[in-house]
Amino acid sequence: MRNLNKTVLALLAASVMTTGAFAGTGDGADDRIQSAKGSVEALTVTLENLGAEVDSSVNLNGAYTADQKVSLYNAKHAELQNQFDTLHAQSAE
């Protein structure tokens, strides 16, 4: 009886882990967009905390694929990173 209980518990644990693994997978497109967007938002907050005026808007009109959206967010991040680098260089002088 003990072996049966152990087997049932092992199968139940394996089932739960497998279900969780499948729930966590996907094409990752939404994750990549959210990551790029979050990166822009975080840098925006940092710049605002340093007293900079920031335009964090990203125009997604015409961006139909995840790659296009991520590319637009990455371009905005690069723009904000340049603003941060300039502000940081000025404060170091």
Protein backbone atom coordinates (compact mmCIF):
# COMPACT_ATOMS: atom_id res chain seq x y z
CA MET A 1 0.00 0.00 0.00
CA ARG A 2 2.88 2.37 0.77
CA ASN A 3 4.36 1.84 -2.69
CA LEU A 4 1.00 2.57 -4.28
CA ASN A 5 0.69 5.81 -2.32
CA LYS A 6 4.22 6.83 -3.27
CA THR A 7 3.51 6.05 -6.92
CA VAL A 8 0.27 8.02 -6.90
CA LEU A 9 1.98 10.98 -5.22
CA ALA A 10 4.86 10.84 -7.67
CA LEU A 11 2.48 10.80 -10.64
CA LEU A 12 0.47 13.65 -9.17
CA ALA A 13 3.62 15.74 -8.62
CA ALA A 14 4.84 15.02 -12.15
CA SER A 15 1.43 15.98 -13.53
CA VAL A 16 1.44 19.30 -11.68
CA MET A 17 4.97 20.12 -12.82
CA THR A 18 4.17 19.26 -16.44
CA THR A 19 1.02 21.38 -16.41
CA GLY A 20 2.97 24.31 -14.97
CA ALA A 21 5.67 23.94 -17.58
CA PHE A 22 3.17 24.00 -20.44
CA ALA A 23 1.35 26.98 -18.93
CA GLY A 24 4.62 28.90 -18.81
CA THR A 25 5.51 28.31 -22.43
CA GLY A 26 4.19 30.08 -25.47
CA ASP A 27 5.59 31.83 -28.44
CA GLY A 28 7.14 34.44 -26.18
CA ALA A 29 6.03 37.34 -28.38
CA ASP A 30 4.00 38.96 -25.62
CA ASP A 31 6.86 38.42 -23.19
CA ARG A 32 9.33 40.11 -25.54
CA ILE A 33 7.00 43.08 -26.05
CA GLN A 34 6.37 43.42 -22.32
CA SER A 35 10.09 43.19 -21.58
CA ALA A 36 10.94 45.90 -24.12
CA LYS A 37 8.10 48.09 -22.86
CA GLY A 38 9.16 47.57 -19.25
CA SER A 39 12.69 48.56 -20.14
CA VAL A 40 11.45 51.86 -21.58
CA GLU A 41 9.24 52.46 -18.54
CA ALA A 42 12.08 51.79 -16.10
CA LEU A 43 14.47 54.12 -17.89
CA THR A 44 11.72 56.76 -18.05
CA VAL A 45 11.25 56.61 -14.28
CA THR A 46 15.00 56.85 -13.73
CA LEU A 47 15.26 59.93 -15.94
CA GLU A 48 12.27 61.56 -14.29
CA ASN A 49 13.80 60.92 -10.87
CA LEU A 50 16.92 62.72 -12.11
CA GLY A 51 14.75 65.72 -13.02
CA ALA A 52 14.74 65.24 -16.79
CA GLU A 53 11.72 65.85 -18.96
CA VAL A 54 11.00 62.63 -20.78
CA ASP A 55 8.88 61.69 -23.77
CA SER A 56 8.35 57.98 -23.34
CA SER A 57 5.64 57.63 -25.95
CA VAL A 58 6.05 54.92 -28.54
CA ASN A 59 3.90 55.09 -31.67
CA LEU A 60 2.90 51.54 -32.52
CA ASN A 61 0.75 52.53 -35.49
CA GLY A 62 1.74 50.33 -38.40
CA ALA A 63 3.58 47.85 -36.18
CA TYR A 64 1.73 44.61 -36.75
CA THR A 65 4.20 41.99 -35.65
CA ALA A 66 5.87 41.42 -32.30
CA ASP A 67 9.28 42.02 -33.88
CA GLN A 68 8.17 45.40 -35.20
CA LYS A 69 6.79 46.42 -31.80
CA VAL A 70 9.90 45.25 -29.97
CA SER A 71 12.04 47.15 -32.48
CA LEU A 72 10.11 50.37 -31.81
CA TYR A 73 10.45 49.95 -28.04
CA ASN A 74 14.17 49.22 -28.45
CA ALA A 75 14.60 52.38 -30.53
CA LYS A 76 12.85 54.43 -27.83
CA HIS A 77 15.05 52.79 -25.21
CA ALA A 78 18.17 53.74 -27.18
CA GLU A 79 16.91 57.32 -27.41
CA LEU A 80 16.27 57.44 -23.66
CA GLN A 81 19.64 55.81 -22.97
CA ASN A 82 21.34 58.59 -24.93
CA GLN A 83 19.42 61.14 -22.88
CA PHE A 84 20.52 59.38 -19.69
CA ASP A 85 24.16 59.23 -20.82
CA THR A 86 24.12 62.95 -21.66
CA LEU A 87 22.53 63.84 -18.32
CA HIS A 88 24.98 61.62 -16.47
CA ALA A 89 27.97 63.15 -18.27
CA GLN A 90 26.75 66.66 -17.43
CA SER A 91 26.32 65.82 -13.77
CA ALA A 92 29.84 64.33 -13.64
CA GLU A 93 31.43 67.59 -14.78
